[in-house]
PDB file of all heavy atoms in Angstrom:
ATOM      1  N   VAL A   1     199.797 -23.537 -42.727  1.00  0.00           N
ATOM      2  CA  VAL A   1     198.810 -23.494 -41.649  1.00  0.00           C
ATOM      3  C   VAL A   1     197.503 -24.127 -42.116  1.00  0.00           C
ATOM      4  O   VAL A   1     197.136 -24.046 -43.285  1.00  0.00           O
ATOM      5  CB  VAL A   1     198.555 -22.046 -41.182  1.00  0.00           C
ATOM      6  CG1 VAL A   1     199.827 -21.431 -40.631  1.00  0.00           C
ATOM      7  CG2 VAL A   1     197.995 -21.174 -42.299  1.00  0.00           C
ATOM      8  N   SER A   2     196.800 -24.740 -41.178  1.00  0.00           N
ATOM      9  CA  SER A   2     195.482 -25.297 -41.490  1.00  0.00           C
ATOM     10  C   SER A   2     194.527 -24.148 -41.776  1.00  0.00           C
ATOM     11  O   SER A   2     194.555 -23.116 -41.101  1.00  0.00           O
ATOM     12  CB  SER A   2     194.963 -26.132 -40.315  1.00  0.00           C
ATOM     13  OG  SER A   2     194.950 -25.381 -39.110  1.00  0.00           O
ATOM     14  N   GLU A   3     193.683 -24.322 -42.791  1.00  0.00           N
ATOM     15  CA  GLU A   3     192.795 -23.208 -43.137  1.00  0.00           C
ATOM     16  C   GLU A   3     191.726 -22.980 -42.075  1.00  0.00           C
ATOM     17  O   GLU A   3     191.137 -21.899 -42.007  1.00  0.00           O
ATOM     18  CB  GLU A   3     192.169 -23.428 -44.514  1.00  0.00           C
ATOM     19  CG  GLU A   3     191.320 -24.649 -44.671  1.00  0.00           C
ATOM     20  CD  GLU A   3     190.764 -24.770 -46.095  1.00  0.00           C
ATOM     21  OE1 GLU A   3     191.194 -23.983 -46.962  1.00  0.00           O
ATOM     22  OE2 GLU A   3     189.903 -25.637 -46.323  1.00  0.00           O
ATOM     23  N   ILE A   4     191.497 -23.952 -41.230  1.00  0.00           N
ATOM     24  CA  ILE A   4     190.660 -23.763 -40.045  1.00  0.00           C
ATOM     25  C   ILE A   4     191.598 -23.734 -38.848  1.00  0.00           C
ATOM     26  O   ILE A   4     192.366 -24.673 -38.633  1.00  0.00           O
ATOM     27  CB  ILE A   4     189.638 -24.899 -39.854  1.00  0.00           C
ATOM     28  CG1 ILE A   4     188.867 -25.173 -41.147  1.00  0.00           C
ATOM     29  CG2 ILE A   4     188.697 -24.577 -38.696  1.00  0.00           C
ATOM     30  CD1 ILE A   4     187.996 -24.059 -41.605  1.00  0.00           C
ATOM     31  N   GLY A   5     191.574 -22.659 -38.071  1.00  0.00           N
ATOM     32  CA  GLY A   5     192.459 -22.523 -36.928  1.00  0.00           C
ATOM     33  C   GLY A   5     191.690 -22.534 -35.614  1.00  0.00           C
ATOM     34  O   GLY A   5     190.468 -22.729 -35.581  1.00  0.00           O
ATOM     35  N   LEU A   6     192.425 -22.310 -34.531  1.00  0.00           N
ATOM     36  CA  LEU A   6     191.863 -22.292 -33.180  1.00  0.00           C
ATOM     37  C   LEU A   6     192.104 -20.922 -32.552  1.00  0.00           C
ATOM     38  O   LEU A   6     193.240 -20.537 -32.298  1.00  0.00           O
ATOM     39  CB  LEU A   6     192.503 -23.388 -32.322  1.00  0.00           C
ATOM     40  CG  LEU A   6     192.304 -23.331 -30.802  1.00  0.00           C
ATOM     41  CD1 LEU A   6     190.822 -23.349 -30.449  1.00  0.00           C
ATOM     42  CD2 LEU A   6     193.024 -24.496 -30.132  1.00  0.00           C
ATOM     43  N   GLY A   7     191.013 -20.192 -32.331  1.00  0.00           N
ATOM     44  CA  GLY A   7     191.081 -18.949 -31.572  1.00  0.00           C
ATOM     45  C   GLY A   7     190.765 -19.264 -30.125  1.00  0.00           C
ATOM     46  O   GLY A   7     189.666 -19.736 -29.810  1.00  0.00           O
ATOM     47  N   GLY A   8     191.703 -19.015 -29.231  1.00  0.00           N
ATOM     48  CA  GLY A   8     191.597 -19.562 -27.881  1.00  0.00           C
ATOM     49  C   GLY A   8     190.701 -18.837 -26.904  1.00  0.00           C
ATOM     50  O   GLY A   8     190.543 -19.292 -25.775  1.00  0.00           O
ATOM     51  N   GLU A   9     190.099 -17.717 -27.286  1.00  0.00           N
ATOM     52  CA  GLU A   9     189.406 -16.881 -26.308  1.00  0.00           C
ATOM     53  C   GLU A   9     188.308 -17.619 -25.555  1.00  0.00           C
ATOM     54  O   GLU A   9     188.157 -17.475 -24.343  1.00  0.00           O
ATOM     55  CB  GLU A   9     188.828 -15.651 -27.005  1.00  0.00           C
ATOM     56  CG  GLU A   9     188.156 -14.669 -26.062  1.00  0.00           C
ATOM     57  CD  GLU A   9     187.682 -13.419 -26.775  1.00  0.00           C
ATOM     58  OE1 GLU A   9     187.849 -13.339 -28.001  1.00  0.00           O
ATOM     59  OE2 GLU A   9     187.138 -12.526 -26.108  1.00  0.00           O
ATOM     60  N   TRP A  10     187.505 -18.410 -26.269  1.00  0.00           N
ATOM     61  CA  TRP A  10     186.382 -19.086 -25.614  1.00  0.00           C
ATOM     62  C   TRP A  10     186.844 -20.129 -24.596  1.00  0.00           C
ATOM     63  O   TRP A  10     186.066 -20.546 -23.738  1.00  0.00           O
ATOM     64  CB  TRP A  10     185.492 -19.747 -26.660  1.00  0.00           C
ATOM     65  CG  TRP A  10     184.634 -18.778 -27.409  1.00  0.00           C
ATOM     66  CD1 TRP A  10     184.720 -17.412 -27.388  1.00  0.00           C
ATOM     67  CD2 TRP A  10     183.571 -19.101 -28.294  1.00  0.00           C
ATOM     68  NE1 TRP A  10     183.781 -16.861 -28.216  1.00  0.00           N
ATOM     69  CE2 TRP A  10     183.062 -17.867 -28.793  1.00  0.00           C
ATOM     70  CE3 TRP A  10     183.017 -20.286 -28.744  1.00  0.00           C
ATOM     71  CZ2 TRP A  10     182.001 -17.814 -29.697  1.00  0.00           C
ATOM     72  CZ3 TRP A  10     181.966 -20.232 -29.659  1.00  0.00           C
ATOM     73  CH2 TRP A  10     181.466 -19.009 -30.118  1.00  0.00           C
ATOM     74  N   LEU A  11     188.087 -20.548 -24.699  1.00  0.00           N
ATOM     75  CA  LEU A  11     188.585 -21.558 -23.768  1.00  0.00           C
ATOM     76  C   LEU A  11     188.657 -21.037 -22.342  1.00  0.00           C
ATOM     77  O   LEU A  11     188.779 -21.824 -21.404  1.00  0.00           O
ATOM     78  CB  LEU A  11     189.968 -22.048 -24.223  1.00  0.00           C
ATOM     79  CG  LEU A  11     190.011 -22.752 -25.579  1.00  0.00           C
ATOM     80  CD1 LEU A  11     191.441 -23.125 -25.938  1.00  0.00           C
ATOM     81  CD2 LEU A  11     189.116 -23.990 -25.600  1.00  0.00           C
ATOM     82  N   GLU A  12     188.579 -19.715 -22.173  1.00  0.00           N
ATOM     83  CA  GLU A  12     188.591 -19.144 -20.820  1.00  0.00           C
ATOM     84  C   GLU A  12     187.422 -19.643 -19.977  1.00  0.00           C
ATOM     85  O   GLU A  12     187.476 -19.599 -18.753  1.00  0.00           O
ATOM     86  CB  GLU A  12     188.522 -17.615 -20.905  1.00  0.00           C
ATOM     87  CG  GLU A  12     189.778 -16.972 -21.444  1.00  0.00           C
ATOM     88  CD  GLU A  12     189.671 -15.452 -21.427  1.00  0.00           C
ATOM     89  OE1 GLU A  12     188.545 -14.936 -21.277  1.00  0.00           O
ATOM     90  OE2 GLU A  12     190.706 -14.790 -21.552  1.00  0.00           O
ATOM     91  N   ARG A  13     186.375 -20.102 -20.617  1.00  0.00           N
ATOM     92  CA  ARG A  13     185.176 -20.525 -19.898  1.00  0.00           C
ATOM     93  C   ARG A  13     185.328 -21.899 -19.250  1.00  0.00           C
ATOM     94  O   ARG A  13     184.448 -22.337 -18.508  1.00  0.00           O
ATOM     95  CB  ARG A  13     183.984 -20.568 -20.864  1.00  0.00           C
ATOM     96  CG  ARG A  13     183.772 -19.278 -21.633  1.00  0.00           C
ATOM     97  CD  ARG A  13     182.668 -19.438 -22.659  1.00  0.00           C
ATOM     98  NE  ARG A  13     182.535 -18.281 -23.537  1.00  0.00           N
ATOM     99  CZ  ARG A  13     181.627 -18.164 -24.483  1.00  0.00           C
ATOM    100  NH1 ARG A  13     180.763 -19.137 -24.691  1.00  0.00           N
ATOM    101  NH2 ARG A  13     181.578 -17.084 -25.235  1.00  0.00           N
ATOM    102  N   HIS A  14     186.433 -22.597 -19.546  1.00  0.00           N
ATOM    103  CA  HIS A  14     186.552 -23.995 -19.146  1.00  0.00           C
ATOM    104  C   HIS A  14     187.768 -24.251 -18.262  1.00  0.00           C
ATOM    105  O   HIS A  14     188.758 -23.517 -18.296  1.00  0.00           O
ATOM    106  CB  HIS A  14     186.653 -24.882 -20.393  1.00  0.00           C
ATOM    107  CG  HIS A  14     185.460 -24.757 -21.301  1.00  0.00           C
ATOM    108  ND1 HIS A  14     184.232 -25.265 -20.980  1.00  0.00           N
ATOM    109  CD2 HIS A  14     185.318 -24.166 -22.522  1.00  0.00           C
ATOM    110  CE1 HIS A  14     183.376 -25.008 -21.964  1.00  0.00           C
ATOM    111  NE2 HIS A  14     184.012 -24.338 -22.895  1.00  0.00           N
ATOM    112  N   GLY A  15     187.661 -25.330 -17.490  1.00  0.00           N
ATOM    113  CA  GLY A  15     188.779 -25.787 -16.677  1.00  0.00           C
ATOM    114  C   GLY A  15     189.797 -26.534 -17.521  1.00  0.00           C
ATOM    115  O   GLY A  15     189.598 -26.764 -18.718  1.00  0.00           O
ATOM    116  N   ARG A  16     190.870 -26.954 -16.855  1.00  0.00           N
ATOM    117  CA  ARG A  16     191.985 -27.559 -17.583  1.00  0.00           C
ATOM    118  C   ARG A  16     191.592 -28.799 -18.358  1.00  0.00           C
ATOM    119  O   ARG A  16     191.956 -28.948 -19.529  1.00  0.00           O
ATOM    120  CB  ARG A  16     193.131 -27.884 -16.623  1.00  0.00           C
ATOM    121  CG  ARG A  16     194.264 -28.658 -17.280  1.00  0.00           C
ATOM    122  CD  ARG A  16     195.520 -28.661 -16.463  1.00  0.00           C
ATOM    123  NE  ARG A  16     196.049 -27.315 -16.336  1.00  0.00           N
ATOM    124  CZ  ARG A  16     197.282 -27.043 -15.893  1.00  0.00           C
ATOM    125  NH1 ARG A  16     198.084 -28.021 -15.548  1.00  0.00           N
ATOM    126  NH2 ARG A  16     197.686 -25.807 -15.791  1.00  0.00           N
ATOM    127  N   ASP A  17     190.857 -29.700 -17.756  1.00  0.00           N
ATOM    128  CA  ASP A  17     190.536 -30.962 -18.435  1.00  0.00           C
ATOM    129  C   ASP A  17     189.787 -30.715 -19.737  1.00  0.00           C
ATOM    130  O   ASP A  17     190.074 -31.342 -20.767  1.00  0.00           O
ATOM    131  CB  ASP A  17     189.706 -31.868 -17.518  1.00  0.00           C
ATOM    132  CG  ASP A  17     190.510 -32.429 -16.362  1.00  0.00           C
ATOM    133  OD1 ASP A  17     191.759 -32.323 -16.408  1.00  0.00           O
ATOM    134  OD2 ASP A  17     189.902 -32.945 -15.413  1.00  0.00           O
ATOM    135  N   GLU A  18     188.821 -29.790 -19.709  1.00  0.00           N
ATOM    136  CA  GLU A  18     188.037 -29.515 -20.909  1.00  0.00           C
ATOM    137  C   GLU A  18     188.883 -28.805 -21.963  1.00  0.00           C
ATOM    138  O   GLU A  18     188.764 -29.089 -23.157  1.00  0.00           O
ATOM    139  CB  GLU A  18     186.801 -28.678 -20.562  1.00  0.00           C
ATOM    140  CG  GLU A  18     185.854 -28.446 -21.719  1.00  0.00           C
ATOM    141  CD  GLU A  18     185.193 -29.722 -22.229  1.00  0.00           C
ATOM    142  OE1 GLU A  18     185.294 -30.776 -21.559  1.00  0.00           O
ATOM    143  OE2 GLU A  18     184.588 -29.674 -23.305  1.00  0.00           O
ATOM    144  N   VAL A  19     189.744 -27.897 -21.530  1.00  0.00           N
ATOM    145  CA  VAL A  19     190.630 -27.219 -22.480  1.00  0.00           C
ATOM    146  C   VAL A  19     191.532 -28.230 -23.175  1.00  0.00           C
ATOM    147  O   VAL A  19     191.712 -28.194 -24.391  1.00  0.00           O
ATOM    148  CB  VAL A  19     191.473 -26.137 -21.771  1.00  0.00           C
ATOM    149  CG1 VAL A  19     192.576 -25.618 -22.687  1.00  0.00           C
ATOM    150  CG2 VAL A  19     190.588 -24.981 -21.323  1.00  0.00           C
ATOM    151  N   VAL A  20     192.085 -29.141 -22.391  1.00  0.00           N
ATOM    152  CA  VAL A  20     192.953 -30.172 -22.972  1.00  0.00           C
ATOM    153  C   VAL A  20     192.190 -31.006 -23.986  1.00  0.00           C
ATOM    154  O   VAL A  20     192.686 -31.295 -25.081  1.00  0.00           O
ATOM    155  CB  VAL A  20     193.554 -31.063 -21.858  1.00  0.00           C
ATOM    156  CG1 VAL A  20     194.242 -32.292 -22.466  1.00  0.00           C
ATOM    157  CG2 VAL A  20     194.548 -30.277 -21.008  1.00  0.00           C
ATOM    158  N   ARG A  21     190.955 -31.376 -23.647  1.00  0.00           N
ATOM    159  CA  ARG A  21     190.150 -32.195 -24.572  1.00  0.00           C
ATOM    160  C   ARG A  21     189.885 -31.444 -25.881  1.00  0.00           C
ATOM    161  O   ARG A  21     190.023 -32.015 -26.970  1.00  0.00           O
ATOM    162  CB  ARG A  21     188.821 -32.599 -23.913  1.00  0.00           C
ATOM    163  CG  ARG A  21     188.913 -33.801 -23.000  1.00  0.00           C
ATOM    164  CD  ARG A  21     187.537 -34.336 -22.662  1.00  0.00           C
ATOM    165  NE  ARG A  21     186.780 -33.393 -21.841  1.00  0.00           N
ATOM    166  CZ  ARG A  21     186.802 -33.385 -20.512  1.00  0.00           C
ATOM    167  NH1 ARG A  21     187.553 -34.252 -19.862  1.00  0.00           N
ATOM    168  NH2 ARG A  21     186.076 -32.511 -19.842  1.00  0.00           N
ATOM    169  N   ILE A  22     189.506 -30.181 -25.773  1.00  0.00           N
ATOM    170  CA  ILE A  22     189.167 -29.419 -26.980  1.00  0.00           C
ATOM    171  C   ILE A  22     190.395 -29.179 -27.844  1.00  0.00           C
ATOM    172  O   ILE A  22     190.360 -29.362 -29.066  1.00  0.00           O
ATOM    173  CB  ILE A  22     188.497 -28.076 -26.597  1.00  0.00           C
ATOM    174  CG1 ILE A  22     187.123 -28.339 -25.974  1.00  0.00           C
ATOM    175  CG2 ILE A  22     188.367 -27.170 -27.821  1.00  0.00           C
ATOM    176  CD1 ILE A  22     186.458 -27.097 -25.404  1.00  0.00           C
ATOM    177  N   VAL A  23     191.498 -28.781 -27.226  1.00  0.00           N
ATOM    178  CA  VAL A  23     192.710 -28.494 -28.000  1.00  0.00           C
ATOM    179  C   VAL A  23     193.220 -29.759 -28.690  1.00  0.00           C
ATOM    180  O   VAL A  23     193.594 -29.735 -29.870  1.00  0.00           O
ATOM    181  CB  VAL A  23     193.799 -27.890 -27.100  1.00  0.00           C
ATOM    182  CG1 VAL A  23     195.123 -27.750 -27.860  1.00  0.00           C
ATOM    183  CG2 VAL A  23     193.360 -26.516 -26.588  1.00  0.00           C
ATOM    184  N   ARG A  24     193.229 -30.863 -27.989  1.00  0.00           N
ATOM    185  CA  ARG A  24     193.716 -32.102 -28.593  1.00  0.00           C
ATOM    186  C   ARG A  24     192.748 -32.625 -29.647  1.00  0.00           C
ATOM    187  O   ARG A  24     193.165 -33.251 -30.625  1.00  0.00           O
ATOM    188  CB  ARG A  24     193.993 -33.140 -27.503  1.00  0.00           C
ATOM    189  CG  ARG A  24     195.186 -32.732 -26.637  1.00  0.00           C
ATOM    190  CD  ARG A  24     195.595 -33.782 -25.636  1.00  0.00           C
ATOM    191  NE  ARG A  24     196.755 -33.329 -24.879  1.00  0.00           N
ATOM    192  CZ  ARG A  24     197.287 -33.975 -23.848  1.00  0.00           C
ATOM    193  NH1 ARG A  24     196.747 -35.138 -23.454  1.00  0.00           N
ATOM    194  NH2 ARG A  24     198.331 -33.489 -23.216  1.00  0.00           N
ATOM    195  N   TYR A  25     191.460 -32.347 -29.473  1.00  0.00           N
ATOM    196  CA  TYR A  25     190.490 -32.721 -30.502  1.00  0.00           C
ATOM    197  C   TYR A  25     190.735 -31.911 -31.772  1.00  0.00           C
ATOM    198  O   TYR A  25     190.638 -32.433 -32.893  1.00  0.00           O
ATOM    199  CB  TYR A  25     189.070 -32.511 -29.986  1.00  0.00           C
ATOM    200  CG  TYR A  25     187.997 -33.076 -30.881  1.00  0.00           C
ATOM    201  CD1 TYR A  25     187.897 -34.446 -31.116  1.00  0.00           C
ATOM    202  CD2 TYR A  25     187.073 -32.235 -31.490  1.00  0.00           C
ATOM    203  CE1 TYR A  25     186.904 -34.964 -31.935  1.00  0.00           C
ATOM    204  CE2 TYR A  25     186.074 -32.748 -32.305  1.00  0.00           C
ATOM    205  CZ  TYR A  25     185.995 -34.117 -32.527  1.00  0.00           C
ATOM    206  OH  TYR A  25     185.002 -34.631 -33.342  1.00  0.00           O
ATOM    207  N   CYS A  26     191.062 -30.639 -31.590  1.00  0.00           N
ATOM    208  CA  CYS A  26     191.418 -29.804 -32.741  1.00  0.00           C
ATOM    209  C   CYS A  26     192.613 -30.407 -33.481  1.00  0.00           C
ATOM    210  O   CYS A  26     192.629 -30.477 -34.723  1.00  0.00           O
ATOM    211  CB  CYS A  26     191.758 -28.386 -32.291  1.00  0.00           C
ATOM    212  SG  CYS A  26     190.351 -27.386 -31.789  1.00  0.00           S
ATOM    213  N   GLU A  27     193.604 -30.836 -32.726  1.00  0.00           N
ATOM    214  CA  GLU A  27     194.791 -31.433 -33.341  1.00  0.00           C
ATOM    215  C   GLU A  27     194.422 -32.697 -34.112  1.00  0.00           C
ATOM    216  O   GLU A  27     194.915 -32.926 -35.226  1.00  0.00           O
ATOM    217  CB  GLU A  27     195.836 -31.745 -32.277  1.00  0.00           C
ATOM    218  CG  GLU A  27     197.145 -32.260 -32.841  1.00  0.00           C
ATOM    219  CD  GLU A  27     198.176 -32.570 -31.764  1.00  0.00           C
ATOM    220  OE1 GLU A  27     197.995 -32.122 -30.615  1.00  0.00           O
ATOM    221  OE2 GLU A  27     199.141 -33.284 -32.072  1.00  0.00           O
ATOM    222  N   GLU A  28     193.539 -33.505 -33.537  1.00  0.00           N
ATOM    223  CA  GLU A  28     193.090 -34.717 -34.233  1.00  0.00           C
ATOM    224  C   GLU A  28     192.434 -34.386 -35.570  1.00  0.00           C
ATOM    225  O   GLU A  28     192.547 -35.139 -36.543  1.00  0.00           O
ATOM    226  CB  GLU A  28     192.086 -35.485 -33.362  1.00  0.00           C
ATOM    227  CG  GLU A  28     192.682 -36.163 -32.137  1.00  0.00           C
ATOM    228  CD  GLU A  28     191.593 -36.807 -31.293  1.00  0.00           C
ATOM    229  OE1 GLU A  28     190.476 -37.032 -31.832  1.00  0.00           O
ATOM    230  OE2 GLU A  28     191.831 -37.070 -30.105  1.00  0.00           O
ATOM    231  N   LYS A  29     191.755 -33.250 -35.622  1.00  0.00           N
ATOM    232  CA  LYS A  29     191.049 -32.846 -36.832  1.00  0.00           C
ATOM    233  C   LYS A  29     191.957 -32.146 -37.837  1.00  0.00           C
ATOM    234  O   LYS A  29     191.486 -31.718 -38.898  1.00  0.00           O
ATOM    235  CB  LYS A  29     189.869 -31.938 -36.470  1.00  0.00           C
ATOM    236  CG  LYS A  29     188.770 -32.625 -35.664  1.00  0.00           C
ATOM    237  CD  LYS A  29     188.118 -33.745 -36.471  1.00  0.00           C
ATOM    238  CE  LYS A  29     186.990 -34.413 -35.715  1.00  0.00           C
ATOM    239  NZ  LYS A  29     186.341 -35.475 -36.520  1.00  0.00           N
ATOM    240  N   GLY A  30     193.226 -32.032 -37.509  1.00  0.00           N
ATOM    241  CA  GLY A  30     194.182 -31.460 -38.447  1.00  0.00           C
ATOM    242  C   GLY A  30     194.477 -29.987 -38.237  1.00  0.00           C
ATOM    243  O   GLY A  30     195.241 -29.383 -39.005  1.00  0.00           O
ATOM    244  N   ILE A  31     193.879 -29.358 -37.224  1.00  0.00           N
ATOM    245  CA  ILE A  31     194.129 -27.945 -36.933  1.00  0.00           C
ATOM    246  C   ILE A  31     195.533 -27.799 -36.345  1.00  0.00           C
ATOM    247  O   ILE A  31     195.910 -28.533 -35.426  1.00  0.00           O
ATOM    248  CB  ILE A  31     193.067 -27.393 -35.969  1.00  0.00           C
ATOM    249  CG1 ILE A  31     191.705 -27.392 -36.654  1.00  0.00           C
ATOM    250  CG2 ILE A  31     193.434 -25.994 -35.470  1.00  0.00           C
ATOM    251  CD1 ILE A  31     190.533 -27.063 -35.744  1.00  0.00           C
ATOM    252  N   ASN A  32     196.312 -26.852 -36.881  1.00  0.00           N
ATOM    253  CA  ASN A  32     197.690 -26.722 -36.400  1.00  0.00           C
ATOM    254  C   ASN A  32     198.099 -25.291 -36.066  1.00  0.00           C
ATOM    255  O   ASN A  32     199.256 -25.031 -35.776  1.00  0.00           O
ATOM    256  CB  ASN A  32     198.674 -27.299 -37.438  1.00  0.00           C
ATOM    257  CG  ASN A  32     198.883 -26.381 -38.636  1.00  0.00           C
ATOM    258  OD1 ASN A  32     198.074 -25.495 -38.910  1.00  0.00           O
ATOM    259  ND2 ASN A  32     199.972 -26.612 -39.365  1.00  0.00           N
ATOM    260  N   ILE A  33     197.144 -24.334 -36.107  1.00  0.00           N
ATOM    261  CA  ILE A  33     197.470 -22.955 -35.764  1.00  0.00           C
ATOM    262  C   ILE A  33     196.559 -22.481 -34.639  1.00  0.00           C
ATOM    263  O   ILE A  33     195.347 -22.716 -34.658  1.00  0.00           O
ATOM    264  CB  ILE A  33     197.392 -22.015 -36.980  1.00  0.00           C
ATOM    265  CG1 ILE A  33     197.769 -20.586 -36.567  1.00  0.00           C
ATOM    266  CG2 ILE A  33     196.049 -22.075 -37.683  1.00  0.00           C
ATOM    267  CD1 ILE A  33     198.003 -19.648 -37.730  1.00  0.00           C
ATOM    268  N   LEU A  34     197.167 -21.847 -33.667  1.00  0.00           N
ATOM    269  CA  LEU A  34     196.485 -21.437 -32.443  1.00  0.00           C
ATOM    270  C   LEU A  34     196.792 -19.982 -32.156  1.00  0.00           C
ATOM    271  O   LEU A  34     197.951 -19.557 -32.173  1.00  0.00           O
ATOM    272  CB  LEU A  34     196.976 -22.311 -31.276  1.00  0.00           C
ATOM    273  CG  LEU A  34     196.787 -21.809 -29.849  1.00  0.00           C
ATOM    274  CD1 LEU A  34     195.308 -21.829 -29.480  1.00  0.00           C
ATOM    275  CD2 LEU A  34     197.587 -22.655 -28.879  1.00  0.00           C
ATOM    276  N   ASP A  35     195.736 -19.186 -31.928  1.00  0.00           N
ATOM    277  CA  ASP A  35     195.931 -17.795 -31.504  1.00  0.00           C
ATOM    278  C   ASP A  35     195.725 -17.699 -30.004  1.00  0.00           C
ATOM    279  O   ASP A  35     194.694 -18.132 -29.480  1.00  0.00           O
ATOM    280  CB  ASP A  35     194.945 -16.866 -32.217  1.00  0.00           C
ATOM    281  CG  ASP A  35     195.178 -15.417 -31.834  1.00  0.00           C
ATOM    282  OD1 ASP A  35     196.128 -14.816 -32.368  1.00  0.00           O
ATOM    283  OD2 ASP A  35     194.422 -14.889 -30.993  1.00  0.00           O
ATOM    284  N   CYS A  36     196.720 -17.135 -29.317  1.00  0.00           N
ATOM    285  CA  CYS A  36     196.689 -17.091 -27.857  1.00  0.00           C
ATOM    286  C   CYS A  36     196.984 -15.680 -27.377  1.00  0.00           C
ATOM    287  O   CYS A  36     198.133 -15.267 -27.321  1.00  0.00           O
ATOM    288  CB  CYS A  36     197.709 -18.083 -27.298  1.00  0.00           C
ATOM    289  SG  CYS A  36     197.651 -18.223 -25.498  1.00  0.00           S
ATOM    290  N   TRP A  37     195.939 -14.936 -27.038  1.00  0.00           N
ATOM    291  CA  TRP A  37     196.140 -13.610 -26.454  1.00  0.00           C
ATOM    292  C   TRP A  37     195.341 -13.429 -25.169  1.00  0.00           C
ATOM    293  O   TRP A  37     195.557 -12.505 -24.416  1.00  0.00           O
ATOM    294  CB  TRP A  37     195.688 -12.510 -27.429  1.00  0.00           C
ATOM    295  CG  TRP A  37     194.195 -12.400 -27.551  1.00  0.00           C
ATOM    296  CD1 TRP A  37     193.418 -13.017 -28.474  1.00  0.00           C
ATOM    297  CD2 TRP A  37     193.306 -11.655 -26.726  1.00  0.00           C
ATOM    298  NE1 TRP A  37     192.090 -12.700 -28.267  1.00  0.00           N
ATOM    299  CE2 TRP A  37     191.990 -11.854 -27.194  1.00  0.00           C
ATOM    300  CE3 TRP A  37     193.490 -10.829 -25.612  1.00  0.00           C
ATOM    301  CZ2 TRP A  37     190.871 -11.278 -26.597  1.00  0.00           C
ATOM    302  CZ3 TRP A  37     192.374 -10.247 -25.017  1.00  0.00           C
ATOM    303  CH2 TRP A  37     191.077 -10.476 -25.523  1.00  0.00           C
ATOM    304  N   MET A  38     194.442 -14.336 -24.885  1.00  0.00           N
ATOM    305  CA  MET A  38     193.334 -14.137 -23.960  1.00  0.00           C
ATOM    306  C   MET A  38     193.759 -13.455 -22.665  1.00  0.00           C
ATOM    307  O   MET A  38     194.903 -13.512 -22.231  1.00  0.00           O
ATOM    308  CB  MET A  38     192.671 -15.471 -23.637  1.00  0.00           C
ATOM    309  CG  MET A  38     192.127 -16.172 -24.871  1.00  0.00           C
ATOM    310  SD  MET A  38     193.427 -16.980 -25.792  1.00  0.00           S
ATOM    311  CE  MET A  38     193.952 -18.167 -24.625  1.00  0.00           C
TER     312      MET A  38
END
């Protein structure tokens, strides 16, 4: 796992387009672990 991960809770504040941009930007930066409970 990447030592920097993605906690998805803050993504609730955004619409689909912005969520897609942020998640894919994380992937570009090498992040590969995502926590999804929101």
